[in-house]
Amino acid sequence: MKAAAIIANLSKPNVRQIAAEICAWLEARNIRVYGQRELACGQGFALGDSLPAVDLIMVLGGDGTFLTVAGMYGPAEIPLLGVNLGHLGFLTEVEMGDLEGALEKLVQGDYQVEKRGMLAARVLRRGKIVSQALVLNDVVIAKGPLARIVHLEVAVDGVNIGSYRGDGLIVATPTGSTGYSLSAGGPIVAPNVDLIVITPICPHTLNVRPIVVARDSVVTVDIKTCQPDTFMTLDGQQSFMLDCADRLEITNSEHQTSLVRLRGKNFFEILSKKIMDQNR
């Protein structure tokens, strides 16, 4: 490893100190470091700016921080390594207690890069695109704070699969299957499986269940509810207000997010540690 960047959730306790220690450790081994400007370590850059050639980006925070960085730099396919300063941390690979050992593995090249698929979402309003974005986890269509039902018509590859009435709908990647979709009753999907999960949120009919479709499917969602405060949320980080008769088109993206995985860990070990153990 010749160069690395560090990006952090600045609201986390001691994050600047942690970043400074990582920066010093790497620089002592002749590794060039680029640090988010607010961290005051390495060569500073503004979050969202394009980066010079780096071998990876270290993300200090929780899954929310990781998803934000993935949205910014994932399409460039710069490998991302998450250091967990949050709670569940399913996307973040390294716990603070394992940080020094993880850094040693990085320097030695003892890691692999795992590709994760992304979804492209766009909103059509009267036939014109008014919003579009890439997501690593999920696209969520949900109602506002009032206890009203959202009515959505959903189709896959142009074939109507149902009329959904409830609190909303989640369209998730395999990576996102362990997020909001799981909480709403969707399946856990291994990240190397090519598919899209469609999960209703609190449906008001008993015969509505999550549906799994092929990864290259085109999922369209027509907004039939004419009420304020219906939103599309992208990876839990960005939101866009939807109007009556808007159409969402969600498709497989040509872009992928690259995740750094340290050797010796796999999806099911992480799953057991971060989800299953909480139920024991």
C-alpha atoms as a PDB file:
ATOM      1  CA  MET A   1       0.000   0.000   0.000  1.00  0.00           C
ATOM      2  CA  LYS A   2       1.468   3.342  -1.099  1.00  0.00           C
ATOM      3  CA  ALA A   3      -1.300   5.856  -0.355  1.00  0.00           C
ATOM      4  CA  ALA A   4      -4.508   6.009   1.676  1.00  0.00           C
ATOM      5  CA  ALA A   5      -7.232   8.540   2.442  1.00  0.00           C
ATOM      6  CA  ILE A   6      -9.072   9.012   5.756  1.00  0.00           C
ATOM      7  CA  ILE A   7     -12.674  10.214   6.026  1.00  0.00           C
ATOM      8  CA  ALA A   8     -14.557  10.375   9.320  1.00  0.00           C
ATOM      9  CA  ASN A   9     -17.837  11.101  11.034  1.00  0.00           C
ATOM     10  CA  LEU A  10     -16.740  14.250  12.847  1.00  0.00           C
ATOM     11  CA  SER A  11     -19.442  13.867  15.519  1.00  0.00           C
ATOM     12  CA  LYS A  12     -17.895  10.670  16.928  1.00  0.00           C
ATOM     13  CA  PRO A  13     -15.967  11.003  20.209  1.00  0.00           C
ATOM     14  CA  ASN A  14     -12.163  11.251  19.872  1.00  0.00           C
ATOM     15  CA  VAL A  15     -12.385  10.809  16.101  1.00  0.00           C
ATOM     16  CA  ARG A  16      -9.717  13.439  15.387  1.00  0.00           C
ATOM     17  CA  GLN A  17      -7.317  11.756  17.789  1.00  0.00           C
ATOM     18  CA  ILE A  18      -8.002   8.357  16.236  1.00  0.00           C
ATOM     19  CA  ALA A  19      -7.442   9.768  12.755  1.00  0.00           C
ATOM     20  CA  ALA A  20      -4.195  11.435  13.856  1.00  0.00           C
ATOM     21  CA  GLU A  21      -2.898   8.169  15.313  1.00  0.00           C
ATOM     22  CA  ILE A  22      -3.752   6.240  12.144  1.00  0.00           C
ATOM     23  CA  CYS A  23      -2.156   8.948  10.030  1.00  0.00           C
ATOM     24  CA  ALA A  24       1.058   8.919  12.092  1.00  0.00           C
ATOM     25  CA  TRP A  25       1.218   5.117  12.012  1.00  0.00           C
ATOM     26  CA  LEU A  26       0.890   5.031   8.225  1.00  0.00           C
ATOM     27  CA  GLU A  27       3.292   7.891   7.577  1.00  0.00           C
ATOM     28  CA  ALA A  28       5.907   6.213   9.800  1.00  0.00           C
ATOM     29  CA  ARG A  29       5.795   3.378   7.261  1.00  0.00           C
ATOM     30  CA  ASN A  30       6.242   5.732   4.287  1.00  0.00           C
ATOM     31  CA  ILE A  31       2.603   5.567   3.253  1.00  0.00           C
ATOM     32  CA  ARG A  32       1.219   8.825   1.870  1.00  0.00           C
ATOM     33  CA  VAL A  33      -1.942   9.948   3.687  1.00  0.00           C
ATOM     34  CA  TYR A  34      -4.730  12.250   2.495  1.00  0.00           C
ATOM     35  CA  GLY A  35      -7.034  13.362   5.297  1.00  0.00           C
ATOM     36  CA  GLN A  36     -10.431  14.982   5.285  1.00  0.00           C
ATOM     37  CA  ARG A  37      -9.622  18.643   5.862  1.00  0.00           C
ATOM     38  CA  GLU A  38     -11.378  18.867   9.248  1.00  0.00           C
ATOM     39  CA  LEU A  39      -9.207  16.058  10.618  1.00  0.00           C
ATOM     40  CA  ALA A  40      -6.003  18.098  10.175  1.00  0.00           C
ATOM     41  CA  CYS A  41      -3.902  15.060   9.303  1.00  0.00           C
ATOM     42  CA  GLY A  42      -2.002  14.186   6.177  1.00  0.00           C
ATOM     43  CA  GLN A  43      -2.609  16.198   3.014  1.00  0.00           C
ATOM     44  CA  GLY A  44      -6.010  17.825   3.452  1.00  0.00           C
ATOM     45  CA  PHE A  45      -8.887  17.572   0.982  1.00  0.00           C
ATOM     46  CA  ALA A  46     -12.535  18.648   1.030  1.00  0.00           C
ATOM     47  CA  LEU A  47     -15.114  15.908   1.375  1.00  0.00           C
ATOM     48  CA  GLY A  48     -16.639  15.234  -2.026  1.00  0.00           C
ATOM     49  CA  ASP A  49     -13.593  16.422  -3.981  1.00  0.00           C
ATOM     50  CA  SER A  50     -11.947  13.993  -6.342  1.00  0.00           C
ATOM     51  CA  LEU A  51      -9.017  12.151  -4.796  1.00  0.00           C
ATOM     52  CA  PRO A  52      -5.560  11.456  -6.212  1.00  0.00           C
ATOM     53  CA  ALA A  53      -4.549   7.852  -6.745  1.00  0.00           C
ATOM     54  CA  VAL A  54      -4.990   6.067  -3.412  1.00  0.00           C
ATOM     55  CA  ASP A  55      -5.068   2.367  -2.631  1.00  0.00           C
ATOM     56  CA  LEU A  56      -8.017   2.702  -0.283  1.00  0.00           C
ATOM     57  CA  ILE A  57     -10.175   5.044   1.780  1.00  0.00           C
ATOM     58  CA  MET A  58     -10.445   4.421   5.515  1.00  0.00           C
ATOM     59  CA  VAL A  59     -13.898   5.401   6.780  1.00  0.00           C
ATOM     60  CA  LEU A  60     -14.099   6.145  10.513  1.00  0.00           C
ATOM     61  CA  GLY A  61     -17.675   5.929  11.788  1.00  0.00           C
ATOM     62  CA  GLY A  62     -20.674   3.653  11.498  1.00  0.00           C
ATOM     63  CA  ASP A  63     -22.671   2.250   8.605  1.00  0.00           C
ATOM     64  CA  GLY A  64     -24.273   5.637   7.908  1.00  0.00           C
ATOM     65  CA  THR A  65     -20.871   7.249   7.395  1.00  0.00           C
ATOM     66  CA  PHE A  66     -19.796   4.338   5.240  1.00  0.00           C
ATOM     67  CA  LEU A  67     -22.872   4.676   3.021  1.00  0.00           C
ATOM     68  CA  THR A  68     -22.283   8.406   2.618  1.00  0.00           C
ATOM     69  CA  VAL A  69     -18.705   7.806   1.489  1.00  0.00           C
ATOM     70  CA  ALA A  70     -19.814   4.951  -0.781  1.00  0.00           C
ATOM     71  CA  GLY A  71     -22.235   7.305  -2.493  1.00  0.00           C
ATOM     72  CA  MET A  72     -19.434   9.825  -3.097  1.00  0.00           C
ATOM     73  CA  TYR A  73     -16.524   7.573  -4.009  1.00  0.00           C
ATOM     74  CA  GLY A  74     -18.033   4.147  -4.679  1.00  0.00           C
ATOM     75  CA  PRO A  75     -18.550   4.821  -8.402  1.00  0.00           C
ATOM     76  CA  ALA A  76     -14.805   5.530  -8.693  1.00  0.00           C
ATOM     77  CA  GLU A  77     -14.277   1.995  -7.327  1.00  0.00           C
ATOM     78  CA  ILE A  78     -11.739   3.151  -4.747  1.00  0.00           C
ATOM     79  CA  PRO A  79     -11.677   0.363  -2.127  1.00  0.00           C
ATOM     80  CA  LEU A  80     -13.300   1.378   1.171  1.00  0.00           C
ATOM     81  CA  LEU A  81     -12.351   0.071   4.618  1.00  0.00           C
ATOM     82  CA  GLY A  82     -14.762   0.833   7.443  1.00  0.00           C
ATOM     83  CA  VAL A  83     -13.533   1.301  11.033  1.00  0.00           C
ATOM     84  CA  ASN A  84     -16.505   0.925  13.340  1.00  0.00           C
ATOM     85  CA  LEU A  85     -17.107   3.816  15.726  1.00  0.00           C
ATOM     86  CA  GLY A  86     -20.844   3.185  15.788  1.00  0.00           C
ATOM     87  CA  HIS A  87     -23.099   0.429  17.077  1.00  0.00           C
ATOM     88  CA  LEU A  88     -24.081  -2.433  14.767  1.00  0.00           C
ATOM     89  CA  GLY A  89     -21.559  -1.675  12.031  1.00  0.00           C
ATOM     90  CA  PHE A  90     -22.427  -4.369   9.501  1.00  0.00           C
ATOM     91  CA  LEU A  91     -20.581  -2.670   6.642  1.00  0.00           C
ATOM     92  CA  THR A  92     -17.620  -1.600   8.730  1.00  0.00           C
ATOM     93  CA  GLU A  93     -14.928  -4.258   8.748  1.00  0.00           C
ATOM     94  CA  VAL A  94     -12.691  -3.275  11.667  1.00  0.00           C
ATOM     95  CA  GLU A  95     -13.499  -2.822  15.354  1.00  0.00           C
ATOM     96  CA  MET A  96     -11.391  -0.370  17.337  1.00  0.00           C
ATOM     97  CA  GLY A  97      -9.810  -3.147  19.406  1.00  0.00           C
ATOM     98  CA  ASP A  98      -8.527  -4.774  16.209  1.00  0.00           C
ATOM     99  CA  LEU A  99      -7.298  -1.586  14.541  1.00  0.00           C
ATOM    100  CA  GLU A 100      -3.528  -2.062  14.890  1.00  0.00           C
ATOM    101  CA  GLY A 101      -3.685  -5.630  13.616  1.00  0.00           C
ATOM    102  CA  ALA A 102      -5.837  -4.476  10.713  1.00  0.00           C
ATOM    103  CA  LEU A 103      -3.308  -1.793   9.785  1.00  0.00           C
ATOM    104  CA  GLU A 104      -0.534  -4.393   9.794  1.00  0.00           C
ATOM    105  CA  LYS A 105      -2.550  -6.545   7.390  1.00  0.00           C
ATOM    106  CA  LEU A 106      -3.137  -3.584   5.103  1.00  0.00           C
ATOM    107  CA  VAL A 107       0.567  -2.760   4.913  1.00  0.00           C
ATOM    108  CA  GLN A 108       1.384  -6.401   4.190  1.00  0.00           C
ATOM    109  CA  GLY A 109      -1.299  -6.598   1.501  1.00  0.00           C
ATOM    110  CA  ASP A 110      -3.104  -9.296   3.458  1.00  0.00           C
ATOM    111  CA  TYR A 111      -6.593  -8.326   2.331  1.00  0.00           C
ATOM    112  CA  GLN A 112      -8.957  -8.770  -0.565  1.00  0.00           C
ATOM    113  CA  VAL A 113     -11.266  -6.385  -2.397  1.00  0.00           C
ATOM    114  CA  GLU A 114     -14.902  -7.416  -2.662  1.00  0.00           C
ATOM    115  CA  LYS A 115     -17.197  -5.885  -5.273  1.00  0.00           C
ATOM    116  CA  ARG A 116     -20.725  -4.942  -4.197  1.00  0.00           C
ATOM    117  CA  GLY A 117     -23.438  -4.099  -6.700  1.00  0.00           C
ATOM    118  CA  MET A 118     -25.284  -0.781  -6.631  1.00  0.00           C
ATOM    119  CA  LEU A 119     -28.726   0.314  -7.786  1.00  0.00           C
ATOM    120  CA  ALA A 120     -29.548   3.354  -9.904  1.00  0.00           C
ATOM    121  CA  ALA A 121     -32.739   5.176  -8.941  1.00  0.00           C
ATOM    122  CA  ARG A 122     -34.439   7.963 -10.805  1.00  0.00           C
ATOM    123  CA  VAL A 123     -37.692   9.867 -10.344  1.00  0.00           C
ATOM    124  CA  LEU A 124     -39.791  10.728 -13.380  1.00  0.00           C
ATOM    125  CA  ARG A 125     -42.306  13.570 -13.076  1.00  0.00           C
ATOM    126  CA  ARG A 126     -44.521  14.130 -16.092  1.00  0.00           C
ATOM    127  CA  GLY A 127     -41.979  12.222 -18.140  1.00  0.00           C
ATOM    128  CA  LYS A 128     -38.935  14.235 -17.040  1.00  0.00           C
ATOM    129  CA  ILE A 129     -36.156  13.082 -14.717  1.00  0.00           C
ATOM    130  CA  VAL A 130     -36.221  15.258 -11.574  1.00  0.00           C
ATOM    131  CA  SER A 131     -33.898  13.223  -9.364  1.00  0.00           C
ATOM    132  CA  GLN A 132     -31.396  10.406  -9.809  1.00  0.00           C
ATOM    133  CA  ALA A 133     -28.783   8.735  -7.630  1.00  0.00           C
ATOM    134  CA  LEU A 134     -26.809   5.561  -6.921  1.00  0.00           C
ATOM    135  CA  VAL A 135     -27.304   3.483  -3.774  1.00  0.00           C
ATOM    136  CA  LEU A 136     -25.360   0.673  -2.162  1.00  0.00           C
ATOM    137  CA  ASN A 137     -28.057  -0.379   0.310  1.00  0.00           C
ATOM    138  CA  ASP A 138     -31.586   0.607  -0.578  1.00  0.00           C
ATOM    139  CA  VAL A 139     -34.209   2.932  -1.976  1.00  0.00           C
ATOM    140  CA  VAL A 140     -37.073   3.546   0.458  1.00  0.00           C
ATOM    141  CA  ILE A 141     -40.450   5.068  -0.394  1.00  0.00           C
ATOM    142  CA  ALA A 142     -42.240   6.016   2.809  1.00  0.00           C
ATOM    143  CA  LYS A 143     -44.891   8.288   4.256  1.00  0.00           C
ATOM    144  CA  GLY A 144     -44.318  11.283   6.490  1.00  0.00           C
ATOM    145  CA  PRO A 145     -45.087  11.630  10.206  1.00  0.00           C
ATOM    146  CA  LEU A 146     -48.876  11.387   9.886  1.00  0.00           C
ATOM    147  CA  ALA A 147     -50.476   7.931  10.242  1.00  0.00           C
ATOM    148  CA  ARG A 148     -51.727   7.716   6.676  1.00  0.00           C
ATOM    149  CA  ILE A 149     -51.478   4.895   4.168  1.00  0.00           C
ATOM    150  CA  VAL A 150     -49.228   5.163   1.126  1.00  0.00           C
ATOM    151  CA  HIS A 151     -50.616   3.612  -2.063  1.00  0.00           C
ATOM    152  CA  LEU A 152     -47.994   2.326  -4.522  1.00  0.00           C
ATOM    153  CA  GLU A 153     -48.275   0.363  -7.765  1.00  0.00           C
ATOM    154  CA  VAL A 154     -45.243  -1.831  -8.375  1.00  0.00           C
ATOM    155  CA  ALA A 155     -44.122  -3.472 -11.609  1.00  0.00           C
ATOM    156  CA  VAL A 156     -41.131  -5.601 -12.585  1.00  0.00           C
ATOM    157  CA  ASP A 157     -39.996  -5.484 -16.212  1.00  0.00           C
ATOM    158  CA  GLY A 158     -43.288  -3.830 -17.118  1.00  0.00           C
ATOM    159  CA  VAL A 159     -45.479  -6.482 -15.467  1.00  0.00           C
ATOM    160  CA  ASN A 160     -47.583  -5.302 -12.517  1.00  0.00           C
ATOM    161  CA  ILE A 161     -46.833  -7.369  -9.396  1.00  0.00           C
ATOM    162  CA  GLY A 162     -49.170  -5.698  -6.964  1.00  0.00           C
ATOM    163  CA  SER A 163     -50.852  -2.731  -5.388  1.00  0.00           C
ATOM    164  CA  TYR A 164     -49.097  -1.920  -2.110  1.00  0.00           C
ATOM    165  CA  ARG A 165     -50.894  -0.071   0.661  1.00  0.00           C
ATOM    166  CA  GLY A 166     -49.062   0.511   3.911  1.00  0.00           C
ATOM    167  CA  ASP A 167     -46.233   2.587   5.343  1.00  0.00           C
ATOM    168  CA  GLY A 168     -44.091   2.254   2.236  1.00  0.00           C
ATOM    169  CA  LEU A 169     -41.705   0.045   0.285  1.00  0.00           C
ATOM    170  CA  ILE A 170     -37.997  -0.858   0.316  1.00  0.00           C
ATOM    171  CA  VAL A 171     -36.036  -1.870  -2.785  1.00  0.00           C
ATOM    172  CA  ALA A 172     -32.699  -3.257  -1.601  1.00  0.00           C
ATOM    173  CA  THR A 173     -29.474  -4.792  -2.847  1.00  0.00           C
ATOM    174  CA  PRO A 174     -28.073  -7.936  -1.183  1.00  0.00           C
ATOM    175  CA  THR A 175     -25.805  -5.579   0.806  1.00  0.00           C
ATOM    176  CA  GLY A 176     -28.879  -3.664   1.949  1.00  0.00           C
ATOM    177  CA  SER A 177     -30.775  -6.827   2.881  1.00  0.00           C
ATOM    178  CA  THR A 178     -29.299  -6.669   6.397  1.00  0.00           C
ATOM    179  CA  GLY A 179     -30.465  -3.075   6.890  1.00  0.00           C
ATOM    180  CA  TYR A 180     -33.958  -1.579   6.916  1.00  0.00           C
ATOM    181  CA  SER A 181     -35.281  -4.397   4.724  1.00  0.00           C
ATOM    182  CA  LEU A 182     -34.379  -6.953   7.398  1.00  0.00           C
ATOM    183  CA  SER A 183     -36.152  -4.910  10.072  1.00  0.00           C
ATOM    184  CA  ALA A 184     -39.255  -4.838   7.859  1.00  0.00           C
ATOM    185  CA  GLY A 185     -39.284  -8.636   7.515  1.00  0.00           C
ATOM    186  CA  GLY A 186     -37.197  -9.080   4.380  1.00  0.00           C
ATOM    187  CA  PRO A 187     -34.744 -11.964   3.855  1.00  0.00           C
ATOM    188  CA  ILE A 188     -31.029 -11.951   4.652  1.00  0.00           C
ATOM    189  CA  VAL A 189     -29.156 -12.324   1.368  1.00  0.00           C
ATOM    190  CA  ALA A 190     -25.469 -13.176   0.940  1.00  0.00           C
ATOM    191  CA  PRO A 191     -23.727 -10.278  -0.845  1.00  0.00           C
ATOM    192  CA  ASN A 192     -22.484 -12.411  -3.749  1.00  0.00           C
ATOM    193  CA  VAL A 193     -26.018 -13.292  -4.893  1.00  0.00           C
ATOM    194  CA  ASP A 194     -27.296 -11.238  -7.854  1.00  0.00           C
ATOM    195  CA  LEU A 195     -30.812 -10.121  -7.024  1.00  0.00           C
ATOM    196  CA  ILE A 196     -33.040  -7.280  -5.824  1.00  0.00           C
ATOM    197  CA  VAL A 197     -35.251  -7.511  -2.740  1.00  0.00           C
ATOM    198  CA  ILE A 198     -38.631  -5.721  -2.683  1.00  0.00           C
ATOM    199  CA  THR A 199     -39.936  -5.451   0.890  1.00  0.00           C
ATOM    200  CA  PRO A 200     -43.210  -3.791   1.932  1.00  0.00           C
ATOM    201  CA  ILE A 201     -43.207  -1.710   5.122  1.00  0.00           C
ATOM    202  CA  CYS A 202     -46.119  -2.551   7.443  1.00  0.00           C
ATOM    203  CA  PRO A 203     -48.497  -3.641   4.653  1.00  0.00           C
ATOM    204  CA  HIS A 204     -52.203  -3.281   5.388  1.00  0.00           C
ATOM    205  CA  THR A 205     -53.069  -6.596   3.742  1.00  0.00           C
ATOM    206  CA  LEU A 206     -51.939 -10.034   4.911  1.00  0.00           C
ATOM    207  CA  ASN A 207     -51.174 -11.412   1.434  1.00  0.00           C
ATOM    208  CA  VAL A 208     -48.372  -8.911   0.695  1.00  0.00           C
ATOM    209  CA  ARG A 209     -44.930 -10.401   1.221  1.00  0.00           C
ATOM    210  CA  PRO A 210     -41.329  -9.558   0.262  1.00  0.00           C
ATOM    211  CA  ILE A 211     -40.404 -10.471  -3.311  1.00  0.00           C
ATOM    212  CA  VAL A 212     -36.994 -11.345  -4.753  1.00  0.00           C
ATOM    213  CA  VAL A 213     -36.324 -10.546  -8.423  1.00  0.00           C
ATOM    214  CA  ALA A 214     -33.347 -10.873 -10.765  1.00  0.00           C
ATOM    215  CA  ARG A 215     -30.613  -8.269 -10.481  1.00  0.00           C
ATOM    216  CA  ASP A 216     -31.086  -7.063 -14.074  1.00  0.00           C
ATOM    217  CA  SER A 217     -34.802  -6.400 -13.518  1.00  0.00           C
ATOM    218  CA  VAL A 218     -36.352  -2.956 -13.925  1.00  0.00           C
ATOM    219  CA  VAL A 219     -38.482  -2.137 -10.876  1.00  0.00           C
ATOM    220  CA  THR A 220     -40.988   0.688 -11.322  1.00  0.00           C
ATOM    221  CA  VAL A 221     -42.993   2.216  -8.505  1.00  0.00           C
ATOM    222  CA  ASP A 222     -45.910   4.540  -9.306  1.00  0.00           C
ATOM    223  CA  ILE A 223     -47.010   6.904  -6.546  1.00  0.00           C
ATOM    224  CA  LYS A 224     -50.794   6.769  -6.272  1.00  0.00           C
ATOM    225  CA  THR A 225     -51.082   8.634  -2.969  1.00  0.00           C
ATOM    226  CA  CYS A 226     -51.846  12.336  -3.321  1.00  0.00           C
ATOM    227  CA  GLN A 227     -50.723  13.490   0.093  1.00  0.00           C
ATOM    228  CA  PRO A 228     -47.827  15.611   1.324  1.00  0.00           C
ATOM    229  CA  ASP A 229     -44.713  14.205   2.962  1.00  0.00           C
ATOM    230  CA  THR A 230     -44.176  11.112   0.852  1.00  0.00           C
ATOM    231  CA  PHE A 231     -40.426  10.683   0.439  1.00  0.00           C
ATOM    232  CA  MET A 232     -37.818   8.659  -1.386  1.00  0.00           C
ATOM    233  CA  THR A 233     -34.817   8.028   0.865  1.00  0.00           C
ATOM    234  CA  LEU A 234     -31.481   6.889  -0.561  1.00  0.00           C
ATOM    235  CA  ASP A 235     -29.275   4.716   1.656  1.00  0.00           C
ATOM    236  CA  GLY A 236     -30.803   6.481   4.656  1.00  0.00           C
ATOM    237  CA  GLN A 237     -28.667   9.546   3.874  1.00  0.00           C
ATOM    238  CA  GLN A 238     -30.557  11.633   1.310  1.00  0.00           C
ATOM    239  CA  SER A 239     -34.256  12.250   0.772  1.00  0.00           C
ATOM    240  CA  PHE A 240     -36.412  13.583  -2.034  1.00  0.00           C
ATOM    241  CA  MET A 241     -40.080  14.586  -1.717  1.00  0.00           C
ATOM    242  CA  LEU A 242     -42.407  12.757  -4.086  1.00  0.00           C
ATOM    243  CA  ASP A 243     -45.540  14.064  -5.770  1.00  0.00           C
ATOM    244  CA  CYS A 244     -48.700  12.268  -6.764  1.00  0.00           C
ATOM    245  CA  ALA A 245     -48.189  10.424 -10.094  1.00  0.00           C
ATOM    246  CA  ASP A 246     -44.388  10.390  -9.806  1.00  0.00           C
ATOM    247  CA  ARG A 247     -42.732   7.233 -11.089  1.00  0.00           C
ATOM    248  CA  LEU A 248     -39.572   5.693  -9.649  1.00  0.00           C
ATOM    249  CA  GLU A 249     -37.405   3.517 -11.877  1.00  0.00           C
ATOM    250  CA  ILE A 250     -34.855   1.368 -10.068  1.00  0.00           C
ATOM    251  CA  THR A 251     -32.328  -0.643 -12.043  1.00  0.00           C
ATOM    252  CA  ASN A 252     -28.996  -2.361 -11.697  1.00  0.00           C
ATOM    253  CA  SER A 253     -26.102   0.109 -11.930  1.00  0.00           C
ATOM    254  CA  GLU A 254     -22.964  -0.409 -13.971  1.00  0.00           C
ATOM    255  CA  HIS A 255     -21.049   0.986 -10.986  1.00  0.00           C
ATOM    256  CA  GLN A 256     -19.907  -1.076  -8.011  1.00  0.00           C
ATOM    257  CA  THR A 257     -18.609  -0.281  -4.557  1.00  0.00           C
ATOM    258  CA  SER A 258     -15.296  -1.919  -3.635  1.00  0.00           C
ATOM    259  CA  LEU A 259     -15.020  -3.094  -0.018  1.00  0.00           C
ATOM    260  CA  VAL A 260     -11.757  -4.036   1.672  1.00  0.00           C
ATOM    261  CA  ARG A 261     -12.121  -7.378   3.428  1.00  0.00           C
ATOM    262  CA  LEU A 262      -9.373  -8.641   5.728  1.00  0.00           C
ATOM    263  CA  ARG A 263      -8.474 -12.245   5.196  1.00  0.00           C
ATOM    264  CA  GLY A 264     -10.008 -14.687   7.615  1.00  0.00           C
ATOM    265  CA  LYS A 265     -13.436 -13.004   7.755  1.00  0.00           C
ATOM    266  CA  ASN A 266     -16.474 -13.804   5.682  1.00  0.00           C
ATOM    267  CA  PHE A 267     -20.101 -12.708   5.466  1.00  0.00           C
ATOM    268  CA  PHE A 268     -21.512 -15.417   7.713  1.00  0.00           C
ATOM    269  CA  GLU A 269     -18.980 -14.804  10.474  1.00  0.00           C
ATOM    270  CA  ILE A 270     -19.870 -11.112  10.434  1.00  0.00           C
ATOM    271  CA  LEU A 271     -23.566 -12.004  10.360  1.00  0.00           C
ATOM    272  CA  SER A 272     -23.205 -14.250  13.389  1.00  0.00           C
ATOM    273  CA  LYS A 273     -21.244 -11.682  15.341  1.00  0.00           C
ATOM    274  CA  LYS A 274     -23.315  -8.626  14.587  1.00  0.00           C
ATOM    275  CA  ILE A 275     -26.861 -10.000  14.398  1.00  0.00           C
ATOM    276  CA  MET A 276     -27.213 -13.525  15.685  1.00  0.00           C
ATOM    277  CA  ASP A 277     -25.249 -12.938  18.908  1.00  0.00           C
ATOM    278  CA  GLN A 278     -27.606 -10.140  19.881  1.00  0.00           C
ATOM    279  CA  ASN A 279     -30.439 -12.633  20.195  1.00  0.00           C
ATOM    280  CA  ARG A 280     -28.585 -14.942  22.599  1.00  0.00           C
END
